Amino acid sequence: MMNALFASLSRVLRGPVERYVRPNRRLNSIAWDLQYKLGFWRYLDRLSDGEMPLALIETWAPMPAILDLGCGSSANMPLPPGRYRHYHGVDVSRAAIAQARGLARPHTSFSVADIRTFTTPSRFDAILLREVLYYLSPHEQRELLLRLPALLSPRGRIVVQVHDVTRASDVVDLVRGCGVPVDREVPARLGEGPAGAFLVLR
């Protein structure tokens, strides 16, 4: 019931939020903090795509170093000990990052930062964009996708997860349009809904 109410409210507020809140970094951070404090995204913590995307990453990078941009609480990211070298999560919400740190999983670190401007000297075998591109403007999506290859290790790949099948084709078109090569597309499913896609970018 709460999820349906939140979804309805999100549809009504989408236009004003995209126009006035997201471009303002401080307001954007406050808005996401409020959502996490109120538990709006808690239902996602119970959803996952099985061992994905870690099992997918392992096909090109066993024991990977992973950067998860827009990680939220990270609770729905399976991280079995011994199968990853390091995981670093980034989110604009302090509340989400506090929840992520509270999981106290080994070999993890977190940053409170805006993914649109986040940078680091570290290099990663996989950069995850799980359900985050929807929240950026087309220009911001393009800028981010073109910037991220500089943060990859020589064996690194970018993984874009698109659960919303109604938006999947738009994301695929945008990715292909910005010139980042798509290495493969793998079905993605969260919970019982229809399958979306994982796009693996070189």
Protein backbone atom coordinates (compact mmCIF):
# COMPACT_ATOMS: atom_id res chain seq x y z
CA MET A 1 0.00 0.00 0.00
CA MET A 2 2.79 2.40 0.99
CA ASN A 3 4.75 1.53 -2.16
CA ALA A 4 1.72 2.25 -4.39
CA LEU A 5 1.12 5.56 -2.61
CA PHE A 6 4.78 6.53 -2.99
CA ALA A 7 4.73 5.59 -6.68
CA SER A 8 1.62 7.72 -7.30
CA LEU A 9 3.10 10.66 -5.41
CA SER A 10 6.36 10.32 -7.35
CA ARG A 11 4.50 10.52 -10.69
CA VAL A 12 2.67 13.69 -9.61
CA LEU A 13 5.82 15.39 -8.31
CA ARG A 14 8.21 14.25 -11.05
CA GLY A 15 7.92 17.40 -13.17
CA PRO A 16 8.46 19.98 -10.38
CA VAL A 17 11.23 17.90 -8.81
CA GLU A 18 13.10 17.56 -12.12
CA ARG A 19 12.70 21.28 -12.83
CA TYR A 20 13.46 22.81 -9.41
CA VAL A 21 14.96 20.29 -6.98
CA ARG A 22 17.45 18.11 -8.88
CA PRO A 23 19.40 20.99 -10.49
CA ASN A 24 19.97 22.45 -6.99
CA ARG A 25 22.56 20.19 -5.34
CA ARG A 26 21.60 21.18 -1.78
CA LEU A 27 17.86 20.76 -2.32
CA ASN A 28 18.49 17.48 -4.14
CA SER A 29 20.49 16.15 -1.20
CA ILE A 30 17.80 17.23 1.29
CA ALA A 31 15.06 15.61 -0.80
CA TRP A 32 16.87 12.26 -0.96
CA ASP A 33 17.71 12.39 2.76
CA LEU A 34 14.05 12.91 3.58
CA GLN A 35 13.00 9.97 1.41
CA TYR A 36 15.49 7.63 3.10
CA LYS A 37 14.63 8.85 6.60
CA LEU A 38 10.93 8.24 5.90
CA GLY A 39 11.71 4.76 4.62
CA PHE A 40 10.35 5.30 1.10
CA TRP A 41 13.07 3.12 -0.43
CA ARG A 42 13.14 0.40 2.23
CA TYR A 43 11.17 -1.97 -0.01
CA LEU A 44 14.14 -2.02 -2.41
CA ASP A 45 16.33 -3.48 0.33
CA ARG A 46 14.31 -6.71 0.06
CA LEU A 47 14.60 -6.90 -3.72
CA SER A 48 17.56 -8.15 -5.68
CA ASP A 49 18.32 -9.89 -8.95
CA GLY A 50 19.78 -12.95 -7.24
CA GLU A 51 23.56 -12.87 -7.50
CA MET A 52 23.47 -10.16 -10.13
CA PRO A 53 25.25 -7.96 -10.86
CA LEU A 54 28.23 -9.54 -9.05
CA ALA A 55 27.94 -12.79 -11.02
CA LEU A 56 27.93 -10.75 -14.24
CA ILE A 57 31.00 -8.76 -13.17
CA GLU A 58 32.88 -11.96 -12.37
CA THR A 59 32.65 -13.03 -16.02
CA TRP A 60 35.35 -10.46 -16.85
CA ALA A 61 36.81 -9.54 -13.44
CA PRO A 62 37.09 -12.18 -10.69
CA MET A 63 37.59 -10.54 -7.26
CA PRO A 64 36.63 -7.12 -8.61
CA ALA A 65 36.96 -3.63 -7.21
CA ILE A 66 33.47 -2.14 -7.59
CA LEU A 67 32.23 1.46 -7.66
CA ASP A 68 28.47 1.76 -7.12
CA LEU A 69 27.18 5.22 -8.06
CA GLY A 70 23.83 6.09 -6.52
CA CYS A 71 24.13 3.09 -4.21
CA GLY A 72 21.38 4.06 -1.76
CA SER A 73 21.56 1.83 1.33
CA SER A 74 23.38 -0.83 -0.79
CA ALA A 75 21.38 -3.52 1.03
CA ASN A 76 20.12 -5.03 -2.24
CA MET A 77 23.66 -5.39 -3.63
CA PRO A 78 24.77 -8.97 -2.82
CA LEU A 79 28.40 -8.95 -1.62
CA PRO A 80 29.34 -12.46 -0.45
CA PRO A 81 32.70 -12.40 1.37
CA GLY A 82 35.59 -13.67 -0.73
CA ARG A 83 34.05 -12.72 -4.07
CA TYR A 84 35.08 -9.07 -4.31
CA ARG A 85 38.24 -7.14 -3.49
CA HIS A 86 36.61 -3.85 -2.55
CA TYR A 87 33.24 -2.13 -2.88
CA HIS A 88 32.85 1.66 -2.76
CA GLY A 89 29.35 3.12 -2.68
CA VAL A 90 28.48 6.73 -3.47
CA ASP A 91 25.18 8.48 -2.80
CA VAL A 92 24.03 12.07 -2.35
CA SER A 93 21.95 11.08 0.70
CA ARG A 94 23.70 11.07 4.08
CA ALA A 95 20.84 8.99 5.47
CA ALA A 96 21.31 6.33 2.78
CA ILE A 97 25.06 6.20 3.37
CA ALA A 98 24.55 5.92 7.14
CA GLN A 99 22.31 2.89 6.48
CA ALA A 100 24.92 1.42 4.12
CA ARG A 101 27.73 1.84 6.66
CA GLY A 102 25.48 0.26 9.29
CA LEU A 103 25.59 -3.02 7.36
CA ALA A 104 29.28 -3.26 8.36
CA ARG A 105 30.23 -5.49 5.45
CA PRO A 106 33.95 -6.23 5.01
CA HIS A 107 36.05 -4.42 2.40
CA THR A 108 33.47 -1.68 1.84
CA SER A 109 33.72 2.10 1.95
CA PHE A 110 31.28 4.89 1.19
CA SER A 111 31.17 8.55 0.17
CA VAL A 112 28.43 11.14 0.46
CA ALA A 113 28.70 12.85 -2.92
CA ASP A 114 26.80 13.83 -6.03
CA ILE A 115 27.49 11.23 -8.72
CA ARG A 116 27.37 13.97 -11.33
CA THR A 117 30.65 15.39 -10.00
CA PHE A 118 32.19 12.51 -7.99
CA THR A 119 35.77 11.68 -8.88
CA THR A 120 38.53 9.58 -7.32
CA PRO A 121 42.11 8.56 -8.12
CA SER A 122 41.10 4.91 -7.62
CA ARG A 123 40.33 2.66 -10.59
CA PHE A 124 37.61 0.02 -10.69
CA ASP A 125 36.88 -3.23 -12.48
CA ALA A 126 33.18 -2.40 -12.54
CA ILE A 127 31.25 0.85 -12.21
CA LEU A 128 27.58 0.30 -11.41
CA LEU A 129 24.74 2.62 -12.38
CA ARG A 130 21.83 0.70 -10.88
CA GLU A 131 18.52 2.44 -11.49
CA VAL A 132 20.08 5.92 -11.37
CA LEU A 133 20.18 7.27 -14.92
CA TYR A 134 16.43 8.00 -14.77
CA TYR A 135 17.14 10.74 -12.23
CA LEU A 136 19.53 12.68 -14.44
CA SER A 137 18.74 14.90 -17.38
CA PRO A 138 19.75 13.55 -20.83
CA HIS A 139 22.69 15.99 -20.85
CA GLU A 140 23.82 14.83 -17.39
CA GLN A 141 23.49 11.18 -18.40
CA ARG A 142 25.65 11.75 -21.44
CA GLU A 143 28.29 13.70 -19.48
CA LEU A 144 28.46 11.00 -16.81
CA LEU A 145 28.73 8.12 -19.28
CA LEU A 146 31.52 9.87 -21.17
CA ARG A 147 33.43 10.67 -17.95
CA LEU A 148 33.29 7.25 -16.27
CA PRO A 149 35.67 5.27 -18.54
CA ALA A 150 38.54 7.29 -17.02
CA LEU A 151 37.77 5.61 -13.66
CA LEU A 152 38.03 2.06 -15.04
CA SER A 153 40.91 -0.36 -14.64
CA PRO A 154 42.27 -1.95 -17.85
CA ARG A 155 39.80 -4.82 -17.44
CA GLY A 156 36.97 -2.55 -16.27
CA ARG A 157 33.41 -2.24 -17.55
CA ILE A 158 30.41 -0.02 -16.78
CA VAL A 159 27.17 -1.79 -15.84
CA VAL A 160 23.89 0.07 -16.32
CA GLN A 161 20.86 -1.56 -14.69
CA VAL A 162 17.45 -0.59 -16.05
CA HIS A 163 14.55 -2.23 -14.26
CA ASP A 164 11.80 0.03 -15.63
CA VAL A 165 11.03 -1.65 -18.94
CA THR A 166 9.06 1.40 -20.08
CA ARG A 167 12.27 3.43 -19.96
CA ALA A 168 14.76 0.76 -20.97
CA SER A 169 14.70 1.55 -24.68
CA ASP A 170 15.27 5.27 -23.98
CA VAL A 171 18.32 4.44 -21.87
CA VAL A 172 19.67 2.05 -24.51
CA ASP A 173 19.22 4.71 -27.20
CA LEU A 174 20.97 7.32 -25.04
CA VAL A 175 23.89 5.01 -24.26
CA ARG A 176 24.35 4.09 -27.90
CA GLY A 177 23.92 7.71 -28.95
CA CYS A 178 26.72 9.01 -26.75
CA GLY A 179 29.23 6.65 -28.36
CA VAL A 180 30.00 4.36 -25.42
CA PRO A 181 30.19 0.83 -26.89
CA VAL A 182 27.66 -1.68 -25.52
CA ASP A 183 29.46 -4.99 -24.98
CA ARG A 184 26.35 -7.01 -24.08
CA GLU A 185 22.81 -6.84 -22.74
CA VAL A 186 21.62 -9.25 -20.05
CA PRO A 187 18.08 -9.56 -18.62
CA ALA A 188 17.59 -7.91 -15.21
CA ARG A 189 14.75 -8.56 -12.80
CA LEU A 190 13.93 -7.01 -9.43
CA GLY A 191 11.32 -8.95 -7.53
CA GLU A 192 8.38 -10.31 -9.50
CA GLY A 193 8.07 -7.55 -12.10
CA PRO A 194 8.91 -7.81 -15.80
CA ALA A 195 12.56 -8.11 -16.72
CA GLY A 196 14.57 -5.04 -17.60
CA ALA A 197 18.22 -5.15 -18.62
CA PHE A 198 21.83 -4.93 -17.54
CA LEU A 199 23.87 -3.12 -20.19
CA VAL A 200 27.60 -3.79 -20.06
CA LEU A 201 29.60 -0.91 -21.53
CA ARG A 202 33.26 -1.01 -22.52
